[in-house]
Amino acid sequence: TAFIPFFRQEIANSTLKESTKRNHLSTLSLLQQFKKDVTFSDLTFEFISSFEYFLQSRGYHTNTIAKHMKHLKATYKCRQYNKDYMEIQKYAFRKYKIKTIENKHTHLSPEELEKLEKLSLAGRYTKLQKTLDAFLFCCYAGMRYSDFISLSPDNIVEIRQETWLIY
């Protein structure tokens, strides 16, 4: 059975946010670059390990590879557990462990934020001003960019003579 069309259909039918669907589609694209036509029977421990090596050779970070492997695993399990009975011995992810490394999230200092606020994007960089404004808004609101782009005027409300962002 063909895995690629199944993967694409699962993404299309999912209730995931559009930004998450795009992430899953990027996994699908990488999988197709690795092997044009993938069947469920192709999905062995060796295949998954080779796909991991393919991503490493392309320079992907360990945690980015983990993200793609999680997408692959979730779609694979969806088919196997919900649609077909599967023998545990044939489960490709039984031996394969998704590797991650702890990420040290950094933050901008108040001084760095202030520098960005004062930054003047003139000339050929004028069109980047809105991007900078959006970035700063997200920093101060503690909001992901994917959430920011879905805001509408309905999210701005007046409560007791104060303006609030309701999301």
N, C-alpha and C. Protein backbone atom coordinates (compact mmCIF):
# COMPACT_ATOMS: atom_id res chain seq x y z
N THR A 1 0.84 -1.19 0.00
CA THR A 1 0.00 0.00 0.00
C THR A 1 0.88 1.25 0.00
N ALA A 2 0.50 2.23 -0.79
CA ALA A 2 1.27 3.46 -0.92
C ALA A 2 1.15 4.32 0.34
N PHE A 3 2.29 4.72 0.87
CA PHE A 3 2.33 5.53 2.08
C PHE A 3 2.19 7.03 1.80
N ILE A 4 2.82 7.51 0.72
CA ILE A 4 2.84 8.94 0.42
C ILE A 4 1.43 9.52 0.27
N PRO A 5 0.56 8.91 -0.57
CA PRO A 5 -0.81 9.46 -0.69
C PRO A 5 -1.57 9.39 0.64
N PHE A 6 -1.33 8.31 1.40
CA PHE A 6 -1.98 8.19 2.71
C PHE A 6 -1.54 9.34 3.62
N PHE A 7 -0.25 9.60 3.67
CA PHE A 7 0.31 10.68 4.49
C PHE A 7 -0.33 12.01 4.09
N ARG A 8 -0.36 12.28 2.78
CA ARG A 8 -0.93 13.54 2.28
C ARG A 8 -2.41 13.66 2.68
N GLN A 9 -3.15 12.57 2.57
CA GLN A 9 -4.58 12.57 2.91
C GLN A 9 -4.79 12.78 4.41
N GLU A 10 -3.95 12.16 5.22
CA GLU A 10 -4.03 12.34 6.68
C GLU A 10 -3.82 13.80 7.06
N ILE A 11 -2.87 14.46 6.41
CA ILE A 11 -2.61 15.87 6.68
C ILE A 11 -3.83 16.69 6.27
N ALA A 12 -4.33 16.45 5.07
CA ALA A 12 -5.47 17.21 4.55
C ALA A 12 -6.71 17.06 5.43
N ASN A 13 -6.93 15.85 5.95
CA ASN A 13 -8.13 15.58 6.75
C ASN A 13 -7.98 15.92 8.23
N SER A 14 -6.77 16.29 8.64
CA SER A 14 -6.53 16.53 10.06
C SER A 14 -7.13 17.86 10.51
N THR A 15 -7.26 18.02 11.80
CA THR A 15 -7.77 19.26 12.38
C THR A 15 -6.62 20.14 12.86
N LEU A 16 -5.42 19.86 12.37
CA LEU A 16 -4.24 20.63 12.77
C LEU A 16 -4.34 22.05 12.23
N LYS A 17 -3.63 22.98 12.90
CA LYS A 17 -3.55 24.34 12.39
C LYS A 17 -2.82 24.33 11.06
N GLU A 18 -3.07 25.34 10.25
CA GLU A 18 -2.43 25.41 8.93
C GLU A 18 -0.91 25.40 9.03
N SER A 19 -0.36 26.10 10.02
CA SER A 19 1.10 26.14 10.17
C SER A 19 1.65 24.75 10.51
N THR A 20 0.91 23.98 11.30
CA THR A 20 1.33 22.62 11.65
C THR A 20 1.20 21.71 10.43
N LYS A 21 0.15 21.91 9.65
CA LYS A 21 -0.01 21.12 8.41
C LYS A 21 1.17 21.38 7.48
N ARG A 22 1.62 22.63 7.39
CA ARG A 22 2.77 22.94 6.53
C ARG A 22 4.02 22.22 7.04
N ASN A 23 4.18 22.12 8.36
CA ASN A 23 5.30 21.36 8.94
C ASN A 23 5.24 19.90 8.52
N HIS A 24 4.07 19.31 8.59
CA HIS A 24 3.89 17.91 8.21
C HIS A 24 4.14 17.72 6.71
N LEU A 25 3.70 18.70 5.91
CA LEU A 25 3.95 18.63 4.47
C LEU A 25 5.43 18.73 4.16
N SER A 26 6.19 19.48 4.98
CA SER A 26 7.64 19.55 4.75
C SER A 26 8.28 18.18 5.05
N THR A 27 7.76 17.47 6.04
CA THR A 27 8.24 16.10 6.31
C THR A 27 7.95 15.21 5.11
N LEU A 28 6.74 15.32 4.59
CA LEU A 28 6.35 14.53 3.43
C LEU A 28 7.25 14.84 2.23
N SER A 29 7.55 16.11 2.00
CA SER A 29 8.42 16.51 0.90
C SER A 29 9.82 15.91 1.05
N LEU A 30 10.36 15.97 2.27
CA LEU A 30 11.69 15.39 2.51
C LEU A 30 11.68 13.88 2.30
N LEU A 31 10.61 13.24 2.73
CA LEU A 31 10.49 11.80 2.55
C LEU A 31 10.49 11.45 1.06
N GLN A 32 9.79 12.26 0.25
CA GLN A 32 9.75 12.02 -1.19
C GLN A 32 11.09 12.31 -1.86
N GLN A 33 11.85 13.25 -1.31
CA GLN A 33 13.20 13.50 -1.84
C GLN A 33 14.10 12.30 -1.53
N PHE A 34 13.86 11.70 -0.38
CA PHE A 34 14.64 10.52 0.02
C PHE A 34 14.29 9.33 -0.87
N LYS A 35 12.99 9.11 -1.06
CA LYS A 35 12.52 8.01 -1.92
C LYS A 35 11.18 8.44 -2.52
N LYS A 36 11.12 8.43 -3.84
CA LYS A 36 9.95 8.97 -4.55
C LYS A 36 8.65 8.27 -4.14
N ASP A 37 8.63 6.96 -4.21
CA ASP A 37 7.44 6.19 -3.87
C ASP A 37 7.73 5.32 -2.66
N VAL A 38 7.00 5.57 -1.59
CA VAL A 38 7.20 4.81 -0.35
C VAL A 38 5.94 4.01 -0.07
N THR A 39 6.12 2.74 0.21
CA THR A 39 4.99 1.90 0.60
C THR A 39 5.08 1.64 2.10
N PHE A 40 4.00 1.15 2.67
CA PHE A 40 4.02 0.82 4.10
C PHE A 40 5.06 -0.27 4.39
N SER A 41 5.22 -1.20 3.46
CA SER A 41 6.19 -2.27 3.70
C SER A 41 7.64 -1.75 3.63
N ASP A 42 7.85 -0.59 2.99
CA ASP A 42 9.19 0.03 2.98
C ASP A 42 9.58 0.52 4.37
N LEU A 43 8.60 0.86 5.17
CA LEU A 43 8.86 1.50 6.46
C LEU A 43 9.36 0.50 7.50
N THR A 44 10.63 0.20 7.37
CA THR A 44 11.30 -0.70 8.29
C THR A 44 12.25 0.11 9.17
N PHE A 45 12.81 -0.54 10.16
CA PHE A 45 13.82 0.11 11.01
C PHE A 45 14.97 0.62 10.16
N GLU A 46 15.41 -0.18 9.21
CA GLU A 46 16.53 0.20 8.34
C GLU A 46 16.18 1.41 7.49
N PHE A 47 14.96 1.45 6.97
CA PHE A 47 14.51 2.57 6.15
C PHE A 47 14.48 3.86 6.97
N ILE A 48 13.92 3.77 8.16
CA ILE A 48 13.82 4.95 9.03
C ILE A 48 15.20 5.44 9.43
N SER A 49 16.09 4.52 9.74
CA SER A 49 17.47 4.90 10.08
C SER A 49 18.16 5.55 8.90
N SER A 50 17.93 5.03 7.70
CA SER A 50 18.52 5.62 6.49
C SER A 50 17.95 7.01 6.23
N PHE A 51 16.66 7.18 6.47
CA PHE A 51 16.03 8.50 6.31
C PHE A 51 16.64 9.49 7.30
N GLU A 52 16.88 9.05 8.52
CA GLU A 52 17.53 9.90 9.52
C GLU A 52 18.92 10.33 9.02
N TYR A 53 19.69 9.37 8.49
CA TYR A 53 21.03 9.68 7.96
C TYR A 53 20.94 10.67 6.80
N PHE A 54 19.93 10.49 5.94
CA PHE A 54 19.69 11.41 4.82
C PHE A 54 19.49 12.83 5.34
N LEU A 55 18.68 12.98 6.39
CA LEU A 55 18.43 14.31 6.96
C LEU A 55 19.71 14.88 7.59
N GLN A 56 20.47 14.02 8.26
CA GLN A 56 21.75 14.46 8.84
C GLN A 56 22.70 14.95 7.75
N SER A 57 22.76 14.22 6.66
CA SER A 57 23.67 14.58 5.56
C SER A 57 23.25 15.88 4.89
N ARG A 58 21.99 16.25 5.04
CA ARG A 58 21.49 17.52 4.51
C ARG A 58 21.74 18.67 5.49
N GLY A 59 22.31 18.36 6.66
CA GLY A 59 22.66 19.39 7.62
C GLY A 59 21.56 19.76 8.60
N TYR A 60 20.54 18.94 8.70
CA TYR A 60 19.45 19.23 9.64
C TYR A 60 19.90 19.02 11.08
N HIS A 61 19.43 19.88 11.97
CA HIS A 61 19.73 19.81 13.40
C HIS A 61 19.03 18.59 14.00
N THR A 62 19.60 18.04 15.05
CA THR A 62 19.04 16.84 15.71
C THR A 62 17.56 17.02 16.05
N ASN A 63 17.19 18.17 16.60
CA ASN A 63 15.79 18.38 17.01
C ASN A 63 14.87 18.56 15.80
N THR A 64 15.39 19.08 14.70
CA THR A 64 14.59 19.19 13.48
C THR A 64 14.34 17.79 12.92
N ILE A 65 15.36 16.95 12.94
CA ILE A 65 15.20 15.56 12.51
C ILE A 65 14.16 14.87 13.39
N ALA A 66 14.23 15.11 14.69
CA ALA A 66 13.26 14.51 15.63
C ALA A 66 11.84 14.93 15.28
N LYS A 67 11.66 16.20 14.93
CA LYS A 67 10.33 16.70 14.55
C LYS A 67 9.80 15.92 13.35
N HIS A 68 10.65 15.76 12.33
CA HIS A 68 10.21 15.04 11.13
C HIS A 68 9.93 13.57 11.45
N MET A 69 10.74 12.98 12.30
CA MET A 69 10.52 11.57 12.67
C MET A 69 9.21 11.41 13.46
N LYS A 70 8.89 12.40 14.29
CA LYS A 70 7.63 12.34 15.04
C LYS A 70 6.44 12.42 14.09
N HIS A 71 6.54 13.27 13.07
CA HIS A 71 5.46 13.35 12.08
C HIS A 71 5.29 12.03 11.36
N LEU A 72 6.41 11.44 10.95
CA LEU A 72 6.40 10.16 10.25
C LEU A 72 5.80 9.06 11.13
N LYS A 73 6.24 9.02 12.37
CA LYS A 73 5.77 8.00 13.32
C LYS A 73 4.28 8.13 13.58
N ALA A 74 3.82 9.36 13.77
CA ALA A 74 2.40 9.58 14.07
C ALA A 74 1.52 9.12 12.91
N THR A 75 1.93 9.42 11.70
CA THR A 75 1.14 9.03 10.53
C THR A 75 1.18 7.51 10.35
N TYR A 76 2.34 6.93 10.53
CA TYR A 76 2.51 5.48 10.42
C TYR A 76 1.63 4.76 11.45
N LYS A 77 1.68 5.24 12.70
CA LYS A 77 0.88 4.60 13.76
C LYS A 77 -0.61 4.76 13.49
N CYS A 78 -1.00 5.90 12.96
CA CYS A 78 -2.41 6.14 12.66
C CYS A 78 -2.94 5.06 11.74
N ARG A 79 -2.21 4.78 10.69
CA ARG A 79 -2.62 3.76 9.74
C ARG A 79 -2.61 2.37 10.38
N GLN A 80 -1.53 2.07 11.06
CA GLN A 80 -1.35 0.72 11.58
C GLN A 80 -2.34 0.39 12.69
N TYR A 81 -2.56 1.33 13.59
CA TYR A 81 -3.43 1.03 14.72
C TYR A 81 -4.90 1.21 14.42
N ASN A 82 -5.23 2.12 13.55
CA ASN A 82 -6.63 2.41 13.30
C ASN A 82 -7.22 1.67 12.11
N LYS A 83 -6.36 1.25 11.19
CA LYS A 83 -6.91 0.68 9.97
C LYS A 83 -6.52 -0.77 9.75
N ASP A 84 -5.41 -1.18 10.25
CA ASP A 84 -4.94 -2.55 10.04
C ASP A 84 -4.41 -3.10 11.36
N TYR A 85 -4.51 -4.42 11.50
CA TYR A 85 -3.84 -5.05 12.62
C TYR A 85 -2.37 -5.19 12.26
N MET A 86 -1.50 -4.94 13.20
CA MET A 86 -0.08 -5.01 12.92
C MET A 86 0.61 -5.85 13.97
N GLU A 87 1.50 -6.70 13.52
CA GLU A 87 2.31 -7.48 14.45
C GLU A 87 3.38 -6.57 15.04
N ILE A 88 3.59 -6.66 16.34
CA ILE A 88 4.57 -5.81 17.02
C ILE A 88 5.97 -5.98 16.43
N GLN A 89 6.29 -7.18 15.96
CA GLN A 89 7.62 -7.42 15.38
C GLN A 89 7.85 -6.61 14.11
N LYS A 90 6.77 -6.27 13.42
CA LYS A 90 6.89 -5.51 12.17
C LYS A 90 6.77 -4.01 12.38
N TYR A 91 6.58 -3.58 13.61
CA TYR A 91 6.43 -2.16 13.89
C TYR A 91 7.79 -1.48 13.76
N ALA A 92 7.94 -0.61 12.75
CA ALA A 92 9.23 -0.01 12.39
C ALA A 92 9.84 0.83 13.50
N PHE A 93 9.01 1.44 14.31
CA PHE A 93 9.53 2.32 15.36
C PHE A 93 9.76 1.58 16.68
N ARG A 94 9.61 0.26 16.66
CA ARG A 94 9.80 -0.52 17.89
C ARG A 94 11.23 -0.39 18.39
N LYS A 95 12.20 -0.50 17.51
CA LYS A 95 13.61 -0.41 17.91
C LYS A 95 14.17 0.99 17.74
N TYR A 96 13.58 1.77 16.85
CA TYR A 96 14.10 3.09 16.55
C TYR A 96 13.71 4.09 17.65
N LYS A 97 14.68 4.79 18.17
CA LYS A 97 14.42 5.81 19.20
C LYS A 97 14.67 7.19 18.60
N ILE A 98 13.70 8.07 18.74
CA ILE A 98 13.84 9.43 18.24
C ILE A 98 14.78 10.18 19.19
N LYS A 99 15.83 10.76 18.60
CA LYS A 99 16.85 11.44 19.41
C LYS A 99 16.61 12.94 19.43
N THR A 100 16.74 13.53 20.61
CA THR A 100 16.66 14.98 20.74
C THR A 100 17.79 15.43 21.65
N ILE A 101 18.11 16.71 21.57
CA ILE A 101 19.05 17.28 22.53
C ILE A 101 18.38 18.48 23.18
N GLU A 102 18.75 18.71 24.43
CA GLU A 102 18.13 19.81 25.16
C GLU A 102 18.52 21.12 24.49
N ASN A 103 17.52 21.94 24.28
CA ASN A 103 17.73 23.21 23.62
C ASN A 103 17.79 24.32 24.66
N LYS A 104 18.80 25.15 24.57
CA LYS A 104 18.91 26.28 25.49
C LYS A 104 18.25 27.49 24.83
N HIS A 105 17.00 27.72 25.19
CA HIS A 105 16.28 28.86 24.62
C HIS A 105 16.89 30.14 25.19
N THR A 106 17.19 31.04 24.31
CA THR A 106 17.71 32.32 24.74
C THR A 106 16.62 33.37 24.58
N HIS A 107 16.84 34.49 25.17
CA HIS A 107 15.87 35.57 25.07
C HIS A 107 16.60 36.87 24.81
N LEU A 108 15.87 37.82 24.33
CA LEU A 108 16.45 39.14 24.10
C LEU A 108 16.44 39.92 25.41
N SER A 109 17.49 40.65 25.65
CA SER A 109 17.56 41.49 26.85
C SER A 109 16.73 42.76 26.60
N PRO A 110 16.36 43.46 27.66
CA PRO A 110 15.64 44.74 27.47
C PRO A 110 16.43 45.71 26.58
N GLU A 111 17.75 45.67 26.70
CA GLU A 111 18.58 46.56 25.86
C GLU A 111 18.48 46.18 24.38
N GLU A 112 18.49 44.87 24.12
CA GLU A 112 18.38 44.42 22.73
C GLU A 112 17.02 44.76 22.14
N LEU A 113 15.96 44.59 22.95
CA LEU A 113 14.62 44.97 22.48
C LEU A 113 14.56 46.46 22.19
N GLU A 114 15.17 47.25 23.05
CA GLU A 114 15.17 48.70 22.86
C GLU A 114 15.90 49.07 21.56
N LYS A 115 17.01 48.40 21.28
CA LYS A 115 17.74 48.65 20.02
C LYS A 115 16.84 48.36 18.82
N LEU A 116 16.09 47.25 18.91
CA LEU A 116 15.19 46.90 17.81
C LEU A 116 14.07 47.93 17.66
N GLU A 117 13.57 48.43 18.79
CA GLU A 117 12.51 49.44 18.75
C GLU A 117 13.00 50.71 18.06
N LYS A 118 14.23 51.07 18.30
CA LYS A 118 14.79 52.31 17.76
C LYS A 118 15.35 52.14 16.34
N LEU A 119 15.43 50.91 15.88
CA LEU A 119 16.01 50.64 14.57
C LEU A 119 15.16 51.28 13.48
N SER A 120 15.81 52.03 12.61
CA SER A 120 15.11 52.68 11.50
C SER A 120 15.41 51.90 10.23
N LEU A 121 14.38 51.35 9.65
CA LEU A 121 14.54 50.58 8.42
C LEU A 121 14.12 51.45 7.24
N ALA A 122 15.07 52.16 6.70
CA ALA A 122 14.79 53.09 5.60
C ALA A 122 15.34 52.53 4.30
N GLY A 123 15.06 53.25 3.24
CA GLY A 123 15.57 52.87 1.93
C GLY A 123 15.03 51.54 1.47
N ARG A 124 15.93 50.67 1.04
CA ARG A 124 15.48 49.38 0.50
C ARG A 124 14.98 48.43 1.59
N TYR A 125 15.17 48.81 2.86
CA TYR A 125 14.70 47.96 3.97
C TYR A 125 13.35 48.41 4.53
N THR A 126 12.76 49.45 3.97
CA THR A 126 11.49 49.98 4.47
C THR A 126 10.42 48.90 4.58
N LYS A 127 10.39 48.00 3.58
CA LYS A 127 9.35 46.97 3.58
C LYS A 127 9.50 45.99 4.75
N LEU A 128 10.66 45.97 5.40
CA LEU A 128 10.85 45.08 6.55
C LEU A 128 10.34 45.67 7.86
N GLN A 129 9.94 46.94 7.85
CA GLN A 129 9.47 47.60 9.07
C GLN A 129 8.26 46.86 9.67
N LYS A 130 7.32 46.46 8.83
CA LYS A 130 6.13 45.75 9.33
C LYS A 130 6.52 44.41 9.97
N THR A 131 7.52 43.75 9.39
CA THR A 131 8.00 42.49 9.95
C THR A 131 8.62 42.72 11.33
N LEU A 132 9.43 43.77 11.43
CA LEU A 132 10.03 44.12 12.72
C LEU A 132 8.96 44.46 13.74
N ASP A 133 7.97 45.25 13.34
CA ASP A 133 6.87 45.61 14.24
C ASP A 133 6.12 44.36 14.72
N ALA A 134 5.88 43.44 13.79
CA ALA A 134 5.19 42.19 14.16
C ALA A 134 6.03 41.38 15.13
N PHE A 135 7.34 41.30 14.88
CA PHE A 135 8.23 40.57 15.77
C PHE A 135 8.21 41.16 17.18
N LEU A 136 8.32 42.48 17.27
CA LEU A 136 8.30 43.13 18.58
C LEU A 136 6.96 42.93 19.28
N PHE A 137 5.88 43.03 18.52
CA PHE A 137 4.56 42.80 19.10
C PHE A 137 4.49 41.40 19.70
N CYS A 138 4.98 40.41 18.95
CA CYS A 138 4.97 39.03 19.43
C CYS A 138 5.83 38.89 20.69
N CYS A 139 6.97 39.57 20.72
CA CYS A 139 7.84 39.52 21.91
C CYS A 139 7.10 40.03 23.14
N TYR A 140 6.48 41.19 23.00
CA TYR A 140 5.82 41.81 24.15
C TYR A 140 4.51 41.13 24.53
N ALA A 141 3.84 40.53 23.56
CA ALA A 141 2.57 39.86 23.85
C ALA A 141 2.79 38.40 24.24
N GLY A 142 4.02 37.90 24.07
CA GLY A 142 4.29 36.49 24.36
C GLY A 142 3.53 35.59 23.41
N MET A 143 3.50 35.95 22.15
CA MET A 143 2.68 35.27 21.16
C MET A 143 3.55 34.69 20.05
N ARG A 144 3.20 33.52 19.60
CA ARG A 144 3.87 32.94 18.43
C ARG A 144 3.44 33.70 17.19
N TYR A 145 4.33 33.74 16.21
CA TYR A 145 4.01 34.44 14.96
C TYR A 145 2.82 33.78 14.27
N SER A 146 2.74 32.45 14.32
CA SER A 146 1.62 31.76 13.67
C SER A 146 0.28 32.16 14.29
N ASP A 147 0.28 32.52 15.59
CA ASP A 147 -0.94 33.01 16.22
C ASP A 147 -1.18 34.48 15.84
N PHE A 148 -0.10 35.24 15.76
CA PHE A 148 -0.20 36.66 15.41
C PHE A 148 -0.87 36.85 14.05
N ILE A 149 -0.48 36.05 13.06
CA ILE A 149 -1.02 36.25 11.72
C ILE A 149 -2.51 35.88 11.62
N SER A 150 -3.02 35.19 12.63
CA SER A 150 -4.45 34.84 12.59
C SER A 150 -5.30 35.84 13.39
N LEU A 151 -4.67 36.88 13.95
CA LEU A 151 -5.43 37.89 14.68
C LEU A 151 -6.34 38.67 13.74
N SER A 152 -7.45 39.13 14.29
CA SER A 152 -8.38 39.97 13.53
C SER A 152 -8.81 41.13 14.43
N PRO A 153 -9.47 42.13 13.87
CA PRO A 153 -9.95 43.25 14.71
C PRO A 153 -10.83 42.79 15.87
N ASP A 154 -11.47 41.63 15.72
CA ASP A 154 -12.32 41.09 16.80
C ASP A 154 -11.51 40.75 18.05
N ASN A 155 -10.19 40.57 17.91
CA ASN A 155 -9.34 40.24 19.05
C ASN A 155 -8.98 41.46 19.89
N ILE A 156 -9.27 42.67 19.40
CA ILE A 156 -9.00 43.91 20.13
C ILE A 156 -10.32 44.38 20.71
N VAL A 157 -10.41 44.43 22.05
CA VAL A 157 -11.67 44.80 22.70
C VAL A 157 -11.42 45.87 23.77
N GLU A 158 -12.47 46.65 24.02
CA GLU A 158 -12.44 47.66 25.07
C GLU A 158 -13.12 47.07 26.31
N ILE A 159 -12.41 47.07 27.42
CA ILE A 159 -12.98 46.61 28.70
C ILE A 159 -12.69 47.70 29.73
N ARG A 160 -13.75 48.27 30.27
CA ARG A 160 -13.63 49.34 31.27
C ARG A 160 -12.64 50.43 30.82
N GLN A 161 -12.84 50.90 29.64
CA GLN A 161 -12.06 51.99 29.05
C GLN A 161 -10.57 51.64 28.86
N GLU A 162 -10.27 50.36 28.76
CA GLU A 162 -8.91 49.91 28.46
C GLU A 162 -8.95 49.02 27.22
N THR A 163 -7.92 49.09 26.42
CA THR A 163 -7.83 48.25 25.23
C THR A 163 -7.12 46.95 25.58
N TRP A 164 -7.76 45.83 25.21
CA TRP A 164 -7.22 44.52 25.51
C TRP A 164 -7.09 43.69 24.24
N LEU A 165 -6.09 42.84 24.25
CA LEU A 165 -5.94 41.83 23.20
C LEU A 165 -6.48 40.54 23.78
N ILE A 166 -7.52 40.03 23.18
CA ILE A 166 -8.13 38.77 23.64
C ILE A 166 -7.86 37.72 22.58
N TYR A 167 -7.12 36.67 23.00
CA TYR A 167 -6.81 35.63 22.05
C TYR A 167 -6.98 34.28 22.71
